[in-house]
Amino acid sequence: MDDLSKRGFLAGGVSAGLLAAAPFEALAQAKAEGRKLGYAMLGLGYYATRIIMPRFAECEHARLTGLVSGTPEKLKTFGEQYGVPEKSRYSYETFDRILDDPSVDIVYVVTPNSLHRTFTERAAKAGKHVMCEKPMATSAADAQAMVRACKAAGRKLMIGYRSRFQPHNVEAIRLARSGAVGPIRTIVADHGFTAGDPNQWRLKKALSGGGSLMDIGIYSLNATRYLTGEEPVAVNALESTDRSDIRFKEVEDTIAFQLAFPSGATANCFSTYSANCNRYRVSGPKGWIDLDPATPYEGQAMRTRIGGKTETWTPPTGAKSQFAGQLDHFADCILTGREPIVPGEEGVKDMKVIEAIYRAAREGRTVKL
């Protein structure tokens, strides 16, 4: 991520009274003309520049039209690479001027977690729709405030749950919810990687809000929710962290957590910064659905065993990438007035469960939801 200056973090937003009709008129004109909607990338770290920005070339409804960064060199380098004019390149201090930029319809917030609320609220006040990376915020209260801010501004808010647009995961959801394995009885979901540099922002609680659970464990949690289509009603959890390890002075390393769902399904999940894993398996009386790996940037693999037959599933040729899929989905929702399949409310639900998991681990008891 960018080296965000304290002054940039604390810079205030424009007042709601400054909202002009221009963004709304520009959107209506874009719909009439059939032009692609413009995204401004806010935060020019690895994920934004190496993973997301190259995918705009695949999009049908979205294009890159703005950049926001605390690093002038990045603004110049990527502005020239992607043809973003200087007038649409912003620092964190000058970001609120985006109000007057008709080329930008959507701001994609890709900063450390603790800044998601600040920039979501500022973008909404500037009349822009917001795509925000997960976890949505560092608390459920902040996440709810973000939803309120976008509703008050009449702008849409979508959370970057890219796996909801990844073909293997989309097919797993279809099979699981269709009853292909029978009633879901159990889900096992493990996500983790080996955290290296102890100075990285994800290991600083003030920026991340937490450790592996907030960062990678959210994939296990979200998968259980989108596979069952249900919300958990109870949580158990156990944390294991070596506080003598310099990496974990402020945040947790490993959390194992269990979820109970209204249907009777249960989930056993694992989140860690000390092992490499990325998988889930959904099981019922008729068989199972297995993704390993399940949610990486690429390379997903899916096997099923249904009716006594084990098969490997391959997505159709030419399937859109998960990244272009989510960028286009949000643009299409804005143009058509539909709600995204992963709106701000989806992020709020994850944050409430994450808080319950932390509480269960801290207090050593089952937490009801």
Protein backbone atom coordinates (compact mmCIF):
# COMPACT_ATOMS: atom_id res chain seq x y z
CA MET A 1 0.00 0.00 0.00
CA ASP A 2 1.01 3.64 -0.21
CA ASP A 3 2.97 5.45 2.46
CA LEU A 4 -0.06 7.43 3.57
CA SER A 5 0.76 10.67 5.33
CA LYS A 6 -0.90 11.50 8.63
CA ARG A 7 -2.05 14.78 7.15
CA GLY A 8 -3.63 12.86 4.27
CA PHE A 9 -5.39 10.49 6.67
CA LEU A 10 -6.93 13.28 8.67
CA ALA A 11 -7.86 15.60 5.85
CA GLY A 12 -11.53 16.39 6.11
CA GLY A 13 -14.20 15.68 3.54
CA VAL A 14 -16.42 18.12 1.75
CA SER A 15 -19.75 18.86 3.34
CA ALA A 16 -22.88 17.10 2.16
CA GLY A 17 -24.16 20.46 1.02
CA LEU A 18 -21.52 20.56 -1.72
CA LEU A 19 -23.04 17.60 -3.53
CA ALA A 20 -23.84 18.83 -7.00
CA ALA A 21 -26.12 17.44 -9.66
CA ALA A 22 -23.18 16.99 -12.03
CA PRO A 23 -22.31 13.39 -11.07
CA PHE A 24 -25.93 12.33 -11.46
CA GLU A 25 -26.23 14.03 -14.82
CA ALA A 26 -22.95 12.50 -15.98
CA LEU A 27 -24.19 9.05 -15.02
CA ALA A 28 -27.42 9.47 -16.94
CA GLN A 29 -25.43 10.62 -19.96
CA ALA A 30 -23.09 7.62 -19.68
CA LYS A 31 -26.08 5.28 -19.67
CA ALA A 32 -27.58 7.01 -22.70
CA GLU A 33 -24.29 6.93 -24.59
CA GLY A 34 -23.40 3.38 -23.56
CA ARG A 35 -19.97 4.47 -22.33
CA LYS A 36 -17.97 2.61 -19.70
CA LEU A 37 -18.11 3.96 -16.16
CA GLY A 38 -14.90 5.42 -14.76
CA TYR A 39 -13.12 4.07 -11.69
CA ALA A 40 -10.54 5.97 -9.63
CA MET A 41 -8.16 3.66 -7.78
CA LEU A 42 -7.50 5.00 -4.28
CA GLY A 43 -4.30 3.44 -2.95
CA LEU A 44 -1.67 2.29 -5.44
CA GLY A 45 -0.12 -0.70 -3.71
CA TYR A 46 0.52 -4.19 -5.08
CA TYR A 47 -3.09 -5.36 -5.20
CA ALA A 48 -4.33 -2.25 -6.99
CA THR A 49 -1.50 -1.89 -9.49
CA ARG A 50 -0.54 -5.50 -10.19
CA ILE A 51 -3.86 -7.32 -9.80
CA ILE A 52 -6.81 -4.97 -10.36
CA MET A 53 -5.67 -2.27 -12.77
CA PRO A 54 -4.51 -4.60 -15.58
CA ARG A 55 -7.99 -6.20 -15.58
CA PHE A 56 -9.75 -3.09 -16.81
CA ALA A 57 -8.66 -4.17 -20.29
CA GLU A 58 -11.11 -7.11 -19.99
CA CYS A 59 -14.08 -5.04 -18.83
CA GLU A 60 -17.22 -4.35 -20.82
CA HIS A 61 -18.67 -1.63 -18.58
CA ALA A 62 -15.72 -0.24 -16.61
CA ARG A 63 -12.55 1.72 -17.30
CA LEU A 64 -9.76 3.32 -15.27
CA THR A 65 -10.07 7.13 -15.25
CA GLY A 66 -8.55 8.31 -11.97
CA LEU A 67 -5.72 7.67 -9.50
CA VAL A 68 -5.33 8.62 -5.84
CA SER A 69 -2.03 8.14 -3.98
CA GLY A 70 0.22 9.66 -1.37
CA THR A 71 3.23 8.95 -3.59
CA PRO A 72 3.75 11.43 -6.48
CA GLU A 73 6.06 9.01 -8.31
CA LYS A 74 3.28 6.40 -8.43
CA LEU A 75 0.79 8.92 -9.76
CA LYS A 76 3.17 9.84 -12.55
CA THR A 77 4.23 6.27 -13.42
CA PHE A 78 0.77 4.72 -13.46
CA GLY A 79 -0.89 7.81 -14.84
CA GLU A 80 1.34 7.64 -17.90
CA GLN A 81 0.99 3.84 -18.16
CA TYR A 82 -2.81 3.92 -18.15
CA GLY A 83 -3.39 7.23 -19.86
CA VAL A 84 -4.88 8.97 -16.81
CA PRO A 85 -4.46 12.73 -17.28
CA GLU A 86 -2.82 14.86 -14.60
CA LYS A 87 -6.15 16.54 -13.75
CA SER A 88 -7.50 13.12 -12.64
CA ARG A 89 -4.51 12.25 -10.46
CA TYR A 90 -5.06 13.13 -6.81
CA SER A 91 -3.09 13.09 -3.56
CA TYR A 92 -4.89 12.22 -0.34
CA GLU A 93 -4.95 15.91 0.51
CA THR A 94 -6.50 16.94 -2.82
CA PHE A 95 -8.81 13.92 -3.09
CA ASP A 96 -12.01 15.86 -2.35
CA ARG A 97 -11.55 17.77 -5.62
CA ILE A 98 -12.73 14.57 -7.32
CA LEU A 99 -16.20 16.06 -6.78
CA ASP A 100 -15.61 18.12 -9.93
CA ASP A 101 -14.23 15.27 -12.05
CA PRO A 102 -17.00 13.93 -14.32
CA SER A 103 -14.74 11.18 -15.67
CA VAL A 104 -14.86 9.38 -12.30
CA ASP A 105 -18.09 7.60 -11.37
CA ILE A 106 -16.69 5.12 -8.81
CA VAL A 107 -13.90 5.26 -6.25
CA TYR A 108 -12.26 1.91 -5.47
CA VAL A 109 -10.79 2.10 -1.94
CA VAL A 110 -7.70 -0.13 -1.57
CA THR A 111 -6.00 1.27 1.55
CA PRO A 112 -5.13 -0.27 4.91
CA ASN A 113 -8.34 -1.36 6.66
CA SER A 114 -8.48 1.44 9.23
CA LEU A 115 -8.84 4.02 6.43
CA HIS A 116 -11.75 2.38 4.62
CA ARG A 117 -14.41 4.33 6.51
CA THR A 118 -12.69 7.71 6.07
CA PHE A 119 -12.27 7.43 2.32
CA THR A 120 -15.63 5.77 1.72
CA GLU A 121 -17.36 8.65 3.45
CA ARG A 122 -15.30 11.24 1.59
CA ALA A 123 -15.96 9.57 -1.76
CA ALA A 124 -19.70 9.40 -1.10
CA LYS A 125 -19.78 13.06 -0.10
CA ALA A 126 -18.07 13.83 -3.40
CA GLY A 127 -20.95 12.15 -5.22
CA LYS A 128 -19.09 9.01 -6.19
CA HIS A 129 -20.18 5.39 -5.84
CA VAL A 130 -17.77 3.29 -3.76
CA MET A 131 -16.14 -0.11 -4.14
CA CYS A 132 -14.30 -0.92 -0.91
CA GLU A 133 -11.90 -3.76 -0.26
CA LYS A 134 -12.52 -6.32 2.46
CA PRO A 135 -12.55 -6.44 5.37
CA MET A 136 -14.95 -3.56 5.01
CA ALA A 137 -13.73 -1.80 8.16
CA THR A 138 -12.07 -2.50 11.51
CA SER A 139 -15.39 -2.64 13.39
CA ALA A 140 -19.03 -3.36 12.69
CA ALA A 141 -19.88 0.15 13.89
CA ASP A 142 -17.59 1.71 11.27
CA ALA A 143 -18.99 -0.60 8.60
CA GLN A 144 -22.55 0.47 9.44
CA ALA A 145 -21.48 4.12 9.32
CA MET A 146 -20.14 3.55 5.80
CA VAL A 147 -23.47 2.10 4.69
CA ARG A 148 -25.31 5.07 6.17
CA ALA A 149 -22.96 7.57 4.51
CA CYS A 150 -23.49 6.09 1.05
CA LYS A 151 -27.25 5.89 1.50
CA ALA A 152 -27.37 9.50 2.67
CA ALA A 153 -25.45 10.55 -0.45
CA GLY A 154 -27.63 8.42 -2.75
CA ARG A 155 -24.59 6.42 -3.83
CA LYS A 156 -24.08 2.65 -4.07
CA LEU A 157 -21.55 0.78 -1.95
CA MET A 158 -20.07 -2.59 -2.92
CA ILE A 159 -17.46 -4.66 -1.08
CA GLY A 160 -14.66 -6.35 -3.02
CA TYR A 161 -15.62 -9.98 -2.44
CA ARG A 162 -13.97 -11.09 -5.67
CA SER A 163 -14.60 -14.82 -5.10
CA ARG A 164 -18.31 -14.25 -5.67
CA PHE A 165 -17.38 -13.65 -9.34
CA GLN A 166 -14.82 -16.45 -9.67
CA PRO A 167 -16.20 -19.31 -11.83
CA HIS A 168 -15.26 -22.23 -9.54
CA ASN A 169 -16.78 -20.51 -6.53
CA VAL A 170 -19.89 -19.51 -8.45
CA GLU A 171 -20.41 -23.15 -9.48
CA ALA A 172 -19.76 -24.35 -5.91
CA ILE A 173 -22.42 -21.96 -4.63
CA ARG A 174 -24.89 -23.21 -7.25
CA LEU A 175 -24.28 -26.85 -6.38
CA ALA A 176 -24.30 -26.34 -2.62
CA ARG A 177 -27.52 -24.33 -2.58
CA SER A 178 -29.27 -26.58 -5.12
CA GLY A 179 -29.03 -29.56 -2.76
CA ALA A 180 -26.62 -31.49 -4.96
CA VAL A 181 -24.90 -32.94 -1.87
CA GLY A 182 -28.14 -33.02 0.11
CA PRO A 183 -28.62 -30.79 3.15
CA ILE A 184 -25.25 -29.29 4.03
CA ARG A 185 -24.03 -30.89 7.24
CA THR A 186 -20.47 -29.59 7.50
CA ILE A 187 -18.02 -27.19 5.89
CA VAL A 188 -14.27 -27.20 6.47
CA ALA A 189 -12.53 -23.98 5.41
CA ASP A 190 -8.83 -23.22 5.94
CA HIS A 191 -7.04 -20.06 4.85
CA GLY A 192 -3.55 -18.90 5.68
CA PHE A 193 -0.15 -17.80 4.46
CA THR A 194 3.24 -17.17 6.03
CA ALA A 195 3.52 -13.53 7.04
CA GLY A 196 7.03 -12.22 6.51
CA ASP A 197 8.14 -8.62 7.07
CA PRO A 198 7.22 -7.64 10.66
CA ASN A 199 6.93 -4.00 9.56
CA GLN A 200 4.16 -4.56 7.02
CA TRP A 201 0.92 -2.69 7.67
CA ARG A 202 -1.18 -5.85 8.12
CA LEU A 203 0.78 -6.63 11.31
CA LYS A 204 0.08 -3.17 12.78
CA LYS A 205 -3.23 -3.22 14.63
CA ALA A 206 -3.84 0.52 14.19
CA LEU A 207 -3.93 -0.01 10.43
CA SER A 208 -5.27 -3.56 10.08
CA GLY A 209 -7.68 -3.82 13.02
CA GLY A 210 -6.52 -7.40 13.66
CA GLY A 211 -4.37 -10.22 12.40
CA SER A 212 -4.94 -13.27 10.24
CA LEU A 213 -8.69 -13.40 10.89
CA MET A 214 -9.25 -9.93 9.42
CA ASP A 215 -6.84 -10.48 6.56
CA ILE A 216 -7.16 -14.07 5.30
CA GLY A 217 -9.62 -15.73 7.69
CA ILE A 218 -12.40 -13.60 6.26
CA TYR A 219 -12.23 -15.86 3.17
CA SER A 220 -13.11 -18.90 5.30
CA LEU A 221 -15.89 -17.01 7.06
CA ASN A 222 -17.39 -15.53 3.91
CA ALA A 223 -17.24 -18.88 2.11
CA THR A 224 -19.33 -20.56 4.80
CA ARG A 225 -21.94 -17.83 4.47
CA TYR A 226 -22.13 -17.84 0.66
CA LEU A 227 -22.14 -21.63 0.42
CA THR A 228 -24.96 -22.11 2.93
CA GLY A 229 -26.85 -18.92 2.14
CA GLU A 230 -27.34 -18.60 5.90
CA GLU A 231 -26.08 -16.47 8.77
CA PRO A 232 -24.36 -18.19 11.71
CA VAL A 233 -26.21 -18.25 15.02
CA ALA A 234 -23.35 -19.28 17.34
CA VAL A 235 -19.54 -19.10 17.38
CA ASN A 236 -16.71 -20.86 19.23
CA ALA A 237 -13.04 -19.93 18.78
CA LEU A 238 -9.52 -20.68 19.99
CA GLU A 239 -6.51 -18.43 19.37
CA SER A 240 -2.89 -19.56 19.24
CA THR A 241 -0.27 -16.80 19.04
CA ASP A 242 3.41 -16.78 20.02
CA ARG A 243 3.78 -13.28 21.42
CA SER A 244 7.57 -13.67 21.52
CA ASP A 245 7.49 -13.65 17.71
CA ILE A 246 8.20 -10.07 16.63
CA ARG A 247 5.53 -10.35 13.93
CA PHE A 248 2.77 -10.87 16.46
CA LYS A 249 3.38 -8.15 19.02
CA GLU A 250 0.11 -6.46 18.08
CA VAL A 251 -2.08 -8.95 16.18
CA GLU A 252 -3.05 -12.61 16.37
CA ASP A 253 -1.43 -15.39 14.38
CA THR A 254 -3.80 -18.36 14.33
CA ILE A 255 -7.49 -18.67 15.12
CA ALA A 256 -9.56 -21.83 14.80
CA PHE A 257 -13.29 -21.10 14.87
CA GLN A 258 -16.55 -23.00 14.61
CA LEU A 259 -19.85 -21.71 13.30
CA ALA A 260 -23.37 -23.10 13.77
CA PHE A 261 -26.11 -22.30 11.26
CA PRO A 262 -29.93 -22.35 11.61
CA SER A 263 -30.28 -25.39 9.31
CA GLY A 264 -28.07 -27.47 11.57
CA ALA A 265 -25.00 -27.14 9.35
CA THR A 266 -21.70 -26.52 11.11
CA ALA A 267 -18.40 -25.10 9.88
CA ASN A 268 -14.87 -25.70 11.14
CA CYS A 269 -12.59 -22.89 10.01
CA PHE A 270 -8.93 -22.01 10.33
CA SER A 271 -7.06 -18.76 9.86
CA THR A 272 -3.30 -18.35 10.20
CA TYR A 273 -0.19 -16.35 9.37
CA SER A 274 2.05 -19.38 9.96
CA ALA A 275 0.97 -21.91 7.32
CA ASN A 276 0.03 -21.91 3.66
CA CYS A 277 -3.50 -23.19 3.04
CA ASN A 278 -6.41 -22.13 0.86
CA ARG A 279 -9.30 -24.60 0.63
CA TYR A 280 -12.82 -25.53 1.58
CA ARG A 281 -15.00 -28.64 1.43
CA VAL A 282 -18.80 -28.77 1.66
CA SER A 283 -20.25 -32.12 2.70
CA GLY A 284 -23.72 -33.62 2.91
CA PRO A 285 -25.39 -37.06 2.77
CA LYS A 286 -25.13 -37.22 -1.03
CA GLY A 287 -21.45 -36.24 -1.36
CA TRP A 288 -19.06 -33.31 -1.26
CA ILE A 289 -17.75 -30.27 -3.13
CA ASP A 290 -14.04 -29.58 -2.73
CA LEU A 291 -12.03 -26.51 -3.81
CA ASP A 292 -8.27 -26.67 -3.27
CA PRO A 293 -7.05 -24.06 -3.83
CA ALA A 294 -10.31 -22.21 -3.32
CA THR A 295 -9.83 -18.43 -3.33
CA PRO A 296 -6.39 -17.40 -4.68
CA TYR A 297 -5.91 -14.83 -7.43
CA GLU A 298 -5.71 -17.70 -9.94
CA GLY A 299 -5.35 -21.47 -10.16
CA GLN A 300 -8.56 -22.64 -8.45
CA ALA A 301 -9.31 -26.36 -8.68
CA MET A 302 -12.63 -28.06 -7.94
CA ARG A 303 -13.61 -31.68 -7.48
CA THR A 304 -17.02 -33.07 -6.60
CA ARG A 305 -18.25 -36.45 -5.46
CA ILE A 306 -21.98 -36.71 -6.02
CA GLY A 307 -23.95 -39.92 -6.39
CA GLY A 308 -20.82 -41.99 -5.93
CA LYS A 309 -19.05 -40.35 -8.88
CA THR A 310 -15.94 -38.19 -8.48
CA GLU A 311 -15.43 -35.50 -11.13
CA THR A 312 -13.17 -32.52 -11.79
CA TRP A 313 -14.99 -29.35 -12.82
CA THR A 314 -13.54 -27.00 -15.44
CA PRO A 315 -15.05 -23.57 -16.17
CA PRO A 316 -16.26 -22.83 -19.68
CA THR A 317 -13.72 -21.43 -22.13
CA GLY A 318 -13.58 -17.66 -22.14
CA ALA A 319 -15.03 -17.20 -18.65
CA LYS A 320 -14.41 -13.68 -17.33
CA SER A 321 -11.85 -13.28 -14.53
CA GLN A 322 -13.12 -12.64 -11.03
CA PHE A 323 -11.54 -9.18 -11.08
CA ALA A 324 -13.14 -8.00 -14.32
CA GLY A 325 -16.34 -9.69 -13.16
CA GLN A 326 -16.63 -7.62 -10.02
CA LEU A 327 -15.62 -4.37 -11.74
CA ASP A 328 -18.23 -4.88 -14.46
CA HIS A 329 -20.91 -6.07 -12.03
CA PHE A 330 -20.76 -2.87 -9.99
CA ALA A 331 -20.77 -0.65 -13.08
CA ASP A 332 -23.73 -2.56 -14.47
CA CYS A 333 -25.62 -2.24 -11.17
CA ILE A 334 -25.08 1.50 -11.18
CA LEU A 335 -26.27 1.84 -14.77
CA THR A 336 -29.34 -0.34 -14.25
CA GLY A 337 -30.26 0.68 -10.71
CA ARG A 338 -29.85 -2.87 -9.33
CA GLU A 339 -28.23 -3.67 -6.00
CA PRO A 340 -24.84 -5.44 -6.05
CA ILE A 341 -24.80 -9.05 -4.85
CA VAL A 342 -22.21 -7.96 -2.27
CA PRO A 343 -23.43 -4.57 -1.00
CA GLY A 344 -22.16 -2.79 2.09
CA GLU A 345 -24.59 -4.74 4.23
CA GLU A 346 -22.70 -7.93 3.30
CA GLY A 347 -19.52 -6.48 4.74
CA VAL A 348 -21.34 -5.45 7.92
CA LYS A 349 -22.48 -9.06 8.45
CA ASP A 350 -18.92 -10.36 8.19
CA MET A 351 -17.68 -7.72 10.62
CA LYS A 352 -20.31 -8.69 13.20
CA VAL A 353 -19.26 -12.34 13.01
CA ILE A 354 -15.55 -11.42 13.17
CA GLU A 355 -16.19 -9.46 16.35
CA ALA A 356 -18.05 -12.47 17.79
CA ILE A 357 -15.13 -14.77 16.89
CA TYR A 358 -12.67 -12.50 18.68
CA ARG A 359 -14.99 -12.36 21.69
CA ALA A 360 -15.40 -16.14 21.78
CA ALA A 361 -11.61 -16.63 21.68
CA ARG A 362 -10.99 -13.96 24.31
CA GLU A 363 -13.68 -15.17 26.73
CA GLY A 364 -13.39 -18.91 26.06
CA ARG A 365 -17.11 -19.41 25.54
CA THR A 366 -19.77 -19.86 22.89
CA VAL A 367 -21.05 -16.51 21.61
CA LYS A 368 -24.63 -16.42 20.34
CA LEU A 369 -25.50 -14.24 17.37
